[in-house]
Amino acid sequence: MLSRRLLVRPFPRRSPSSAVNIQRRYTSHFDGPSANARTEFKPDFTTQETVPNWVYIASGTIFAAYVLYGYIMPTETTWLTQFLSPDSETRKAQEEISNRHTAFIEQAARDKHLFLQSPTSRTLPMRFPERFNMHSPLNHDVGHTRGILMDQLEEHYRKENPPK
């Protein structure tokens, strides 16, 4: 018999460096495999950040344009004032559209409540009753049946219902 040692093939050993890396536990976010010592952040307050000149130029230009517009244009006849005034045509047209829309919605609500409050009928309103059994073989008129002679059918009904 072969010994057990010969049957089991030994696996190759791993390098010891990976085992060392796995066992190393880092104590901080700043510690890492490439960092030897803990590094600390010290902000440098010697450099001063200033507001760039274009911010002052842009805000001054916007303010000057606003003042110039207010000086040149009269305040009563601006397009914005005309649009917002209650006597403008667009305001009147919007008001008319809004009133019509409100009237239509109210009428639809009244109709809905009218139909919901009406009593339900237990019968089906049928203007064309043959539609209920349109393709039924028992719903055909006399003379349109197939396979039965008309003479036999007339004799059958005269026997059951003799004339008075």
N, C-alpha and C. Protein backbone atom coordinates (compact mmCIF):
# COMPACT_ATOMS: atom_id res chain seq x y z
N MET A 1 0.82 -1.18 0.00
CA MET A 1 0.00 0.00 0.00
C MET A 1 0.86 1.25 0.00
N LEU A 2 0.28 2.19 -0.67
CA LEU A 2 0.98 3.47 -0.69
C LEU A 2 0.66 4.24 0.57
N SER A 3 1.60 4.91 0.99
CA SER A 3 1.34 5.68 2.21
C SER A 3 0.51 6.93 1.87
N ARG A 4 -0.08 7.39 2.87
CA ARG A 4 -0.96 8.55 2.71
C ARG A 4 -0.17 9.78 2.28
N ARG A 5 1.05 9.85 2.66
CA ARG A 5 1.88 10.98 2.30
C ARG A 5 2.10 11.06 0.79
N LEU A 6 2.18 9.97 0.16
CA LEU A 6 2.43 9.96 -1.28
C LEU A 6 1.17 10.29 -2.08
N LEU A 7 0.00 9.93 -1.53
CA LEU A 7 -1.25 10.20 -2.24
C LEU A 7 -1.64 11.67 -2.20
N VAL A 8 -1.35 12.32 -1.11
CA VAL A 8 -1.73 13.72 -0.97
C VAL A 8 -0.62 14.58 -1.53
N ARG A 9 -0.94 15.39 -2.52
CA ARG A 9 0.04 16.28 -3.11
C ARG A 9 0.11 17.56 -2.29
N PRO A 10 1.25 17.96 -1.87
CA PRO A 10 1.34 19.20 -1.08
C PRO A 10 1.12 20.42 -1.97
N PHE A 11 0.42 21.40 -1.42
CA PHE A 11 0.17 22.65 -2.14
C PHE A 11 1.39 23.55 -2.02
N PRO A 12 1.65 24.37 -3.03
CA PRO A 12 2.79 25.29 -2.91
C PRO A 12 2.51 26.35 -1.85
N ARG A 13 3.54 26.74 -1.17
CA ARG A 13 3.39 27.74 -0.11
C ARG A 13 3.26 29.13 -0.71
N ARG A 14 2.52 29.94 0.00
CA ARG A 14 2.37 31.33 -0.43
C ARG A 14 3.55 32.14 0.07
N SER A 15 3.71 33.30 -0.55
CA SER A 15 4.82 34.15 -0.13
C SER A 15 4.49 34.76 1.23
N PRO A 16 5.46 34.93 2.05
CA PRO A 16 5.20 35.46 3.39
C PRO A 16 4.81 36.93 3.39
N SER A 17 5.08 37.65 2.29
CA SER A 17 4.77 39.08 2.29
C SER A 17 3.26 39.32 2.31
N SER A 18 2.47 38.46 1.64
CA SER A 18 1.02 38.65 1.66
C SER A 18 0.45 38.39 3.05
N ALA A 19 1.03 37.43 3.76
CA ALA A 19 0.56 37.17 5.11
C ALA A 19 0.89 38.33 6.03
N VAL A 20 2.03 38.95 5.80
CA VAL A 20 2.40 40.11 6.63
C VAL A 20 1.46 41.27 6.36
N ASN A 21 1.09 41.48 5.09
CA ASN A 21 0.18 42.58 4.75
C ASN A 21 -1.21 42.34 5.33
N ILE A 22 -1.64 41.11 5.37
CA ILE A 22 -2.96 40.82 5.92
C ILE A 22 -2.97 41.05 7.42
N GLN A 23 -1.89 40.68 8.09
CA GLN A 23 -1.87 40.81 9.54
C GLN A 23 -1.68 42.25 10.00
N ARG A 24 -1.16 43.12 9.16
CA ARG A 24 -0.93 44.50 9.56
C ARG A 24 -2.27 45.22 9.71
N ARG A 25 -2.46 45.85 10.80
CA ARG A 25 -3.69 46.61 11.03
C ARG A 25 -3.32 48.08 11.07
N TYR A 26 -4.05 48.84 10.28
CA TYR A 26 -3.77 50.26 10.22
C TYR A 26 -4.56 50.96 11.32
N THR A 27 -3.93 51.92 11.96
CA THR A 27 -4.55 52.58 13.11
C THR A 27 -5.31 53.83 12.71
N SER A 28 -5.08 54.37 11.53
CA SER A 28 -5.73 55.62 11.16
C SER A 28 -5.93 55.65 9.66
N HIS A 29 -6.70 56.62 9.22
CA HIS A 29 -6.93 56.80 7.80
C HIS A 29 -5.64 57.22 7.10
N PHE A 30 -4.82 57.96 7.82
CA PHE A 30 -3.59 58.47 7.22
C PHE A 30 -2.49 57.42 7.17
N ASP A 31 -2.60 56.40 8.01
CA ASP A 31 -1.60 55.34 7.95
C ASP A 31 -1.90 54.45 6.76
N GLY A 32 -0.92 54.03 6.09
CA GLY A 32 -1.11 53.17 4.95
C GLY A 32 0.13 52.36 4.70
N PRO A 33 0.07 51.51 3.71
CA PRO A 33 1.24 50.69 3.45
C PRO A 33 2.44 51.51 2.98
N SER A 34 2.20 52.68 2.36
CA SER A 34 3.32 53.48 1.89
C SER A 34 3.75 54.53 2.90
N ALA A 35 2.92 54.83 3.87
CA ALA A 35 3.25 55.87 4.85
C ALA A 35 3.93 55.23 6.05
N ASN A 36 5.01 55.82 6.47
CA ASN A 36 5.73 55.27 7.62
C ASN A 36 5.19 55.80 8.93
N ALA A 37 4.84 57.07 8.96
CA ALA A 37 4.37 57.66 10.21
C ALA A 37 3.05 58.36 9.95
N ARG A 38 2.38 58.65 11.01
CA ARG A 38 1.10 59.34 10.92
C ARG A 38 1.35 60.79 10.49
N THR A 39 0.58 61.21 9.49
CA THR A 39 0.72 62.59 9.02
C THR A 39 -0.43 63.40 9.55
N GLU A 40 -0.19 64.61 9.90
CA GLU A 40 -1.23 65.50 10.42
C GLU A 40 -1.35 66.69 9.50
N PHE A 41 -2.60 67.15 9.31
CA PHE A 41 -2.86 68.29 8.44
C PHE A 41 -2.79 69.57 9.25
N LYS A 42 -1.99 70.49 8.78
CA LYS A 42 -1.88 71.80 9.43
C LYS A 42 -2.20 72.84 8.37
N PRO A 43 -3.34 73.53 8.50
CA PRO A 43 -3.69 74.53 7.48
C PRO A 43 -2.73 75.71 7.52
N ASP A 44 -2.49 76.26 6.34
CA ASP A 44 -1.60 77.41 6.21
C ASP A 44 -2.45 78.66 6.02
N PHE A 45 -2.45 79.53 7.02
CA PHE A 45 -3.26 80.74 6.97
C PHE A 45 -2.48 81.94 6.44
N THR A 46 -1.34 81.72 5.91
CA THR A 46 -0.54 82.85 5.42
C THR A 46 -1.07 83.38 4.10
N THR A 47 -1.67 82.51 3.26
CA THR A 47 -2.22 82.99 1.99
C THR A 47 -3.63 83.48 2.22
N GLN A 48 -3.95 84.65 1.72
CA GLN A 48 -5.28 85.24 1.88
C GLN A 48 -6.00 85.17 0.53
N GLU A 49 -7.24 84.69 0.54
CA GLU A 49 -8.03 84.65 -0.68
C GLU A 49 -8.82 85.93 -0.79
N THR A 50 -8.74 86.59 -1.91
CA THR A 50 -9.45 87.85 -2.12
C THR A 50 -10.53 87.64 -3.16
N VAL A 51 -11.51 88.54 -3.14
CA VAL A 51 -12.58 88.50 -4.13
C VAL A 51 -12.03 89.06 -5.43
N PRO A 52 -12.23 88.38 -6.56
CA PRO A 52 -11.69 88.89 -7.82
C PRO A 52 -12.37 90.18 -8.26
N ASN A 53 -11.69 90.94 -9.07
CA ASN A 53 -12.20 92.24 -9.51
C ASN A 53 -13.43 92.12 -10.40
N TRP A 54 -13.57 91.04 -11.14
CA TRP A 54 -14.71 90.92 -12.05
C TRP A 54 -16.04 90.84 -11.30
N VAL A 55 -16.02 90.40 -10.04
CA VAL A 55 -17.26 90.35 -9.26
C VAL A 55 -17.75 91.77 -9.00
N TYR A 56 -16.83 92.66 -8.65
CA TYR A 56 -17.22 94.06 -8.41
C TYR A 56 -17.68 94.73 -9.70
N ILE A 57 -17.02 94.44 -10.79
CA ILE A 57 -17.39 95.04 -12.08
C ILE A 57 -18.76 94.56 -12.53
N ALA A 58 -19.04 93.26 -12.39
CA ALA A 58 -20.33 92.71 -12.82
C ALA A 58 -21.47 93.25 -11.97
N SER A 59 -21.30 93.28 -10.65
CA SER A 59 -22.38 93.79 -9.80
C SER A 59 -22.60 95.28 -10.02
N GLY A 60 -21.55 96.05 -10.24
CA GLY A 60 -21.70 97.48 -10.53
C GLY A 60 -22.39 97.72 -11.85
N THR A 61 -22.10 96.91 -12.86
CA THR A 61 -22.75 97.05 -14.16
C THR A 61 -24.24 96.75 -14.07
N ILE A 62 -24.60 95.72 -13.34
CA ILE A 62 -26.02 95.37 -13.18
C ILE A 62 -26.75 96.48 -12.44
N PHE A 63 -26.16 97.02 -11.39
CA PHE A 63 -26.80 98.10 -10.64
C PHE A 63 -26.94 99.36 -11.49
N ALA A 64 -25.91 99.68 -12.28
CA ALA A 64 -25.97 100.88 -13.13
C ALA A 64 -27.03 100.72 -14.22
N ALA A 65 -27.16 99.52 -14.79
CA ALA A 65 -28.18 99.29 -15.81
C ALA A 65 -29.58 99.43 -15.21
N TYR A 66 -29.79 98.97 -14.00
CA TYR A 66 -31.09 99.09 -13.34
C TYR A 66 -31.43 100.56 -13.07
N VAL A 67 -30.47 101.32 -12.58
CA VAL A 67 -30.71 102.75 -12.30
C VAL A 67 -30.96 103.51 -13.59
N LEU A 68 -30.21 103.23 -14.64
CA LEU A 68 -30.39 103.90 -15.92
C LEU A 68 -31.74 103.57 -16.53
N TYR A 69 -32.17 102.32 -16.45
CA TYR A 69 -33.48 101.92 -16.96
C TYR A 69 -34.60 102.63 -16.20
N GLY A 70 -34.48 102.72 -14.88
CA GLY A 70 -35.49 103.41 -14.10
C GLY A 70 -35.52 104.90 -14.37
N TYR A 71 -34.41 105.49 -14.73
CA TYR A 71 -34.36 106.93 -15.00
C TYR A 71 -34.92 107.24 -16.39
N ILE A 72 -34.62 106.40 -17.38
CA ILE A 72 -35.05 106.67 -18.75
C ILE A 72 -36.53 106.34 -18.93
N MET A 73 -36.96 105.20 -18.47
CA MET A 73 -38.34 104.75 -18.69
C MET A 73 -39.24 105.26 -17.57
N PRO A 74 -40.40 105.82 -17.93
CA PRO A 74 -41.33 106.22 -16.87
C PRO A 74 -41.94 104.97 -16.22
N THR A 75 -42.28 105.07 -14.97
CA THR A 75 -42.73 103.90 -14.22
C THR A 75 -44.15 103.49 -14.56
N GLU A 76 -44.96 104.36 -15.13
CA GLU A 76 -46.37 104.03 -15.36
C GLU A 76 -46.61 103.30 -16.68
N THR A 77 -45.73 103.46 -17.65
CA THR A 77 -45.99 102.90 -18.97
C THR A 77 -45.06 101.76 -19.34
N THR A 78 -44.42 101.14 -18.41
CA THR A 78 -43.54 100.03 -18.76
C THR A 78 -44.38 98.84 -19.21
N TRP A 79 -43.77 97.99 -19.98
CA TRP A 79 -44.51 96.83 -20.49
C TRP A 79 -44.92 95.90 -19.37
N LEU A 80 -44.12 95.84 -18.32
CA LEU A 80 -44.47 95.00 -17.19
C LEU A 80 -45.67 95.56 -16.44
N THR A 81 -45.70 96.89 -16.28
CA THR A 81 -46.84 97.53 -15.62
C THR A 81 -48.10 97.38 -16.45
N GLN A 82 -47.98 97.52 -17.76
CA GLN A 82 -49.15 97.36 -18.62
C GLN A 82 -49.66 95.92 -18.59
N PHE A 83 -48.75 94.98 -18.54
CA PHE A 83 -49.16 93.57 -18.51
C PHE A 83 -49.86 93.22 -17.20
N LEU A 84 -49.40 93.81 -16.10
CA LEU A 84 -49.95 93.48 -14.79
C LEU A 84 -51.15 94.33 -14.40
N SER A 85 -51.46 95.36 -15.17
CA SER A 85 -52.58 96.23 -14.79
C SER A 85 -53.90 95.49 -15.00
N PRO A 86 -54.91 95.78 -14.16
CA PRO A 86 -56.19 95.06 -14.29
C PRO A 86 -56.99 95.46 -15.53
N ASP A 87 -56.64 96.55 -16.19
CA ASP A 87 -57.38 96.99 -17.38
C ASP A 87 -56.78 96.49 -18.68
N SER A 88 -55.74 95.68 -18.61
CA SER A 88 -55.09 95.23 -19.85
C SER A 88 -55.96 94.20 -20.56
N GLU A 89 -55.76 94.11 -21.88
CA GLU A 89 -56.56 93.18 -22.68
C GLU A 89 -56.20 91.73 -22.37
N THR A 90 -54.95 91.47 -22.13
CA THR A 90 -54.56 90.09 -21.82
C THR A 90 -55.15 89.65 -20.48
N ARG A 91 -55.20 90.56 -19.52
CA ARG A 91 -55.79 90.22 -18.22
C ARG A 91 -57.29 89.94 -18.37
N LYS A 92 -57.97 90.75 -19.20
CA LYS A 92 -59.41 90.54 -19.42
C LYS A 92 -59.66 89.22 -20.16
N ALA A 93 -58.82 88.90 -21.14
CA ALA A 93 -58.99 87.65 -21.87
C ALA A 93 -58.74 86.45 -20.95
N GLN A 94 -57.72 86.54 -20.11
CA GLN A 94 -57.44 85.46 -19.17
C GLN A 94 -58.59 85.31 -18.17
N GLU A 95 -59.16 86.41 -17.74
CA GLU A 95 -60.29 86.36 -16.80
C GLU A 95 -61.51 85.71 -17.44
N GLU A 96 -61.76 86.03 -18.73
CA GLU A 96 -62.89 85.42 -19.44
C GLU A 96 -62.68 83.92 -19.61
N ILE A 97 -61.48 83.52 -19.96
CA ILE A 97 -61.17 82.09 -20.10
C ILE A 97 -61.33 81.38 -18.76
N SER A 98 -60.87 82.01 -17.71
CA SER A 98 -60.97 81.41 -16.38
C SER A 98 -62.43 81.27 -15.95
N ASN A 99 -63.25 82.29 -16.23
CA ASN A 99 -64.67 82.22 -15.88
C ASN A 99 -65.38 81.11 -16.65
N ARG A 100 -65.08 80.98 -17.94
CA ARG A 100 -65.70 79.91 -18.73
C ARG A 100 -65.28 78.53 -18.21
N HIS A 101 -64.01 78.40 -17.91
CA HIS A 101 -63.51 77.12 -17.40
C HIS A 101 -64.18 76.77 -16.08
N THR A 102 -64.33 77.75 -15.20
CA THR A 102 -64.99 77.51 -13.91
C THR A 102 -66.44 77.11 -14.12
N ALA A 103 -67.13 77.77 -15.05
CA ALA A 103 -68.53 77.43 -15.32
C ALA A 103 -68.66 76.01 -15.86
N PHE A 104 -67.76 75.61 -16.75
CA PHE A 104 -67.80 74.25 -17.30
C PHE A 104 -67.54 73.21 -16.22
N ILE A 105 -66.60 73.47 -15.35
CA ILE A 105 -66.29 72.52 -14.28
C ILE A 105 -67.46 72.40 -13.32
N GLU A 106 -68.09 73.53 -12.98
CA GLU A 106 -69.24 73.47 -12.07
C GLU A 106 -70.40 72.72 -12.70
N GLN A 107 -70.64 72.93 -14.01
CA GLN A 107 -71.73 72.21 -14.68
C GLN A 107 -71.43 70.71 -14.74
N ALA A 108 -70.19 70.35 -14.96
CA ALA A 108 -69.83 68.93 -14.98
C ALA A 108 -70.03 68.31 -13.60
N ALA A 109 -69.71 69.04 -12.55
CA ALA A 109 -69.92 68.52 -11.19
C ALA A 109 -71.41 68.36 -10.90
N ARG A 110 -72.23 69.32 -11.35
CA ARG A 110 -73.68 69.18 -11.15
C ARG A 110 -74.22 67.96 -11.89
N ASP A 111 -73.78 67.75 -13.12
CA ASP A 111 -74.23 66.59 -13.89
C ASP A 111 -73.79 65.29 -13.24
N LYS A 112 -72.58 65.27 -12.72
CA LYS A 112 -72.08 64.06 -12.07
C LYS A 112 -72.93 63.73 -10.85
N HIS A 113 -73.23 64.73 -10.03
CA HIS A 113 -74.05 64.48 -8.85
C HIS A 113 -75.47 64.10 -9.24
N LEU A 114 -75.98 64.66 -10.34
CA LEU A 114 -77.32 64.30 -10.80
C LEU A 114 -77.37 62.82 -11.18
N PHE A 115 -76.37 62.34 -11.91
CA PHE A 115 -76.35 60.94 -12.32
C PHE A 115 -76.07 60.00 -11.16
N LEU A 116 -75.24 60.43 -10.21
CA LEU A 116 -74.93 59.56 -9.09
C LEU A 116 -76.10 59.42 -8.12
N GLN A 117 -76.94 60.45 -8.01
CA GLN A 117 -78.06 60.41 -7.07
C GLN A 117 -79.33 59.82 -7.68
N SER A 118 -79.35 59.52 -8.98
CA SER A 118 -80.55 58.96 -9.60
C SER A 118 -80.71 57.50 -9.18
N PRO A 119 -81.98 57.04 -9.01
CA PRO A 119 -82.19 55.64 -8.61
C PRO A 119 -81.83 54.71 -9.77
N THR A 120 -81.28 53.56 -9.44
CA THR A 120 -80.90 52.60 -10.46
C THR A 120 -82.09 51.75 -10.85
N SER A 121 -82.19 51.43 -12.12
CA SER A 121 -83.29 50.62 -12.64
C SER A 121 -82.85 49.16 -12.68
N ARG A 122 -83.78 48.25 -12.36
CA ARG A 122 -83.45 46.84 -12.39
C ARG A 122 -83.67 46.23 -13.77
N THR A 123 -84.28 46.95 -14.68
CA THR A 123 -84.50 46.44 -16.04
C THR A 123 -83.50 47.09 -16.99
N LEU A 124 -83.22 46.38 -18.06
CA LEU A 124 -82.32 46.91 -19.07
C LEU A 124 -83.12 47.66 -20.12
N PRO A 125 -82.84 48.90 -20.38
CA PRO A 125 -83.56 49.61 -21.44
C PRO A 125 -83.07 49.13 -22.80
N MET A 126 -83.96 48.43 -23.52
CA MET A 126 -83.57 47.86 -24.80
C MET A 126 -84.50 48.36 -25.88
N ARG A 127 -83.96 49.10 -26.83
CA ARG A 127 -84.76 49.57 -27.96
C ARG A 127 -84.89 48.47 -29.01
N PHE A 128 -83.97 47.58 -29.01
CA PHE A 128 -83.92 46.50 -29.99
C PHE A 128 -83.75 45.20 -29.22
N PRO A 129 -84.85 44.57 -28.75
CA PRO A 129 -84.73 43.42 -27.85
C PRO A 129 -84.08 42.20 -28.49
N GLU A 130 -84.13 42.09 -29.82
CA GLU A 130 -83.51 40.94 -30.46
C GLU A 130 -81.99 40.96 -30.31
N ARG A 131 -81.46 42.09 -29.96
CA ARG A 131 -80.02 42.20 -29.79
C ARG A 131 -79.54 41.36 -28.60
N PHE A 132 -80.42 41.13 -27.63
CA PHE A 132 -80.04 40.38 -26.45
C PHE A 132 -79.67 38.94 -26.80
N ASN A 133 -80.46 38.30 -27.67
CA ASN A 133 -80.18 36.94 -28.15
C ASN A 133 -80.13 36.94 -29.66
N MET A 134 -79.26 37.72 -30.23
CA MET A 134 -79.26 37.89 -31.67
C MET A 134 -78.88 36.62 -32.41
N HIS A 135 -77.93 35.87 -31.91
CA HIS A 135 -77.47 34.69 -32.63
C HIS A 135 -78.01 33.39 -32.03
N SER A 136 -79.03 33.47 -31.24
CA SER A 136 -79.62 32.26 -30.66
C SER A 136 -80.47 31.55 -31.72
N PRO A 137 -80.41 30.22 -31.79
CA PRO A 137 -81.25 29.52 -32.78
C PRO A 137 -82.73 29.57 -32.44
N LEU A 138 -83.08 29.89 -31.21
CA LEU A 138 -84.49 29.96 -30.83
C LEU A 138 -85.08 31.34 -31.08
N ASN A 139 -84.31 32.30 -31.53
CA ASN A 139 -84.76 33.66 -31.66
C ASN A 139 -85.05 34.05 -33.11
N HIS A 140 -85.30 33.06 -33.98
CA HIS A 140 -85.56 33.37 -35.38
C HIS A 140 -87.06 33.48 -35.62
N ASP A 141 -87.42 34.32 -36.59
CA ASP A 141 -88.84 34.48 -36.93
C ASP A 141 -89.35 33.25 -37.67
N VAL A 142 -90.66 33.13 -37.74
CA VAL A 142 -91.27 32.01 -38.44
C VAL A 142 -90.96 32.14 -39.92
N GLY A 143 -90.54 31.05 -40.52
CA GLY A 143 -90.19 31.06 -41.93
C GLY A 143 -88.69 31.13 -42.15
N HIS A 144 -87.97 31.51 -41.14
CA HIS A 144 -86.52 31.60 -41.28
C HIS A 144 -85.80 30.43 -40.63
N THR A 145 -86.54 29.47 -40.09
CA THR A 145 -85.90 28.32 -39.46
C THR A 145 -85.47 27.34 -40.52
N ARG A 146 -84.42 26.61 -40.27
CA ARG A 146 -83.91 25.65 -41.23
C ARG A 146 -84.24 24.23 -40.75
N GLY A 147 -84.54 23.37 -41.71
CA GLY A 147 -84.75 21.96 -41.40
C GLY A 147 -86.18 21.63 -41.01
N ILE A 148 -87.05 22.57 -40.85
CA ILE A 148 -88.45 22.30 -40.49
C ILE A 148 -89.33 22.83 -41.62
N LEU A 149 -90.18 22.01 -42.10
CA LEU A 149 -91.10 22.46 -43.14
C LEU A 149 -92.17 23.35 -42.53
N MET A 150 -92.56 24.37 -43.26
CA MET A 150 -93.54 25.33 -42.74
C MET A 150 -94.90 24.67 -42.53
N ASP A 151 -95.24 23.70 -43.39
CA ASP A 151 -96.55 23.05 -43.25
C ASP A 151 -96.62 22.27 -41.94
N GLN A 152 -95.55 21.56 -41.60
CA GLN A 152 -95.53 20.81 -40.35
C GLN A 152 -95.61 21.75 -39.15
N LEU A 153 -94.98 22.87 -39.24
CA LEU A 153 -94.99 23.83 -38.14
C LEU A 153 -96.39 24.42 -37.95
N GLU A 154 -97.06 24.74 -39.06
CA GLU A 154 -98.42 25.30 -38.96
C GLU A 154 -99.39 24.27 -38.40
N GLU A 155 -99.28 22.99 -38.81
CA GLU A 155 -100.15 21.95 -38.28
C GLU A 155 -99.93 21.76 -36.79
N HIS A 156 -98.69 21.82 -36.35
CA HIS A 156 -98.39 21.66 -34.93
C HIS A 156 -99.06 22.77 -34.11
N TYR A 157 -98.98 23.99 -34.54
CA TYR A 157 -99.58 25.10 -33.79
C TYR A 157 -101.11 25.08 -33.87
N ARG A 158 -101.68 24.60 -34.97
CA ARG A 158 -103.14 24.54 -35.07
C ARG A 158 -103.70 23.44 -34.19
N LYS A 159 -102.93 22.37 -33.99
CA LYS A 159 -103.38 21.31 -33.10
C LYS A 159 -103.36 21.79 -31.65
N GLU A 160 -102.31 22.50 -31.28
CA GLU A 160 -102.21 22.98 -29.90
C GLU A 160 -103.19 24.11 -29.62
N ASN A 161 -103.38 24.99 -30.58
CA ASN A 161 -104.25 26.16 -30.39
C ASN A 161 -105.31 26.19 -31.50
N PRO A 162 -106.41 25.47 -31.29
CA PRO A 162 -107.45 25.49 -32.34
C PRO A 162 -108.12 26.87 -32.41
N PRO A 163 -108.55 27.28 -33.60
CA PRO A 163 -109.21 28.60 -33.71
C PRO A 163 -110.54 28.60 -32.99
N LYS A 164 -110.95 29.69 -32.45
CA LYS A 164 -112.18 29.78 -31.66
C LYS A 164 -113.32 30.29 -32.47
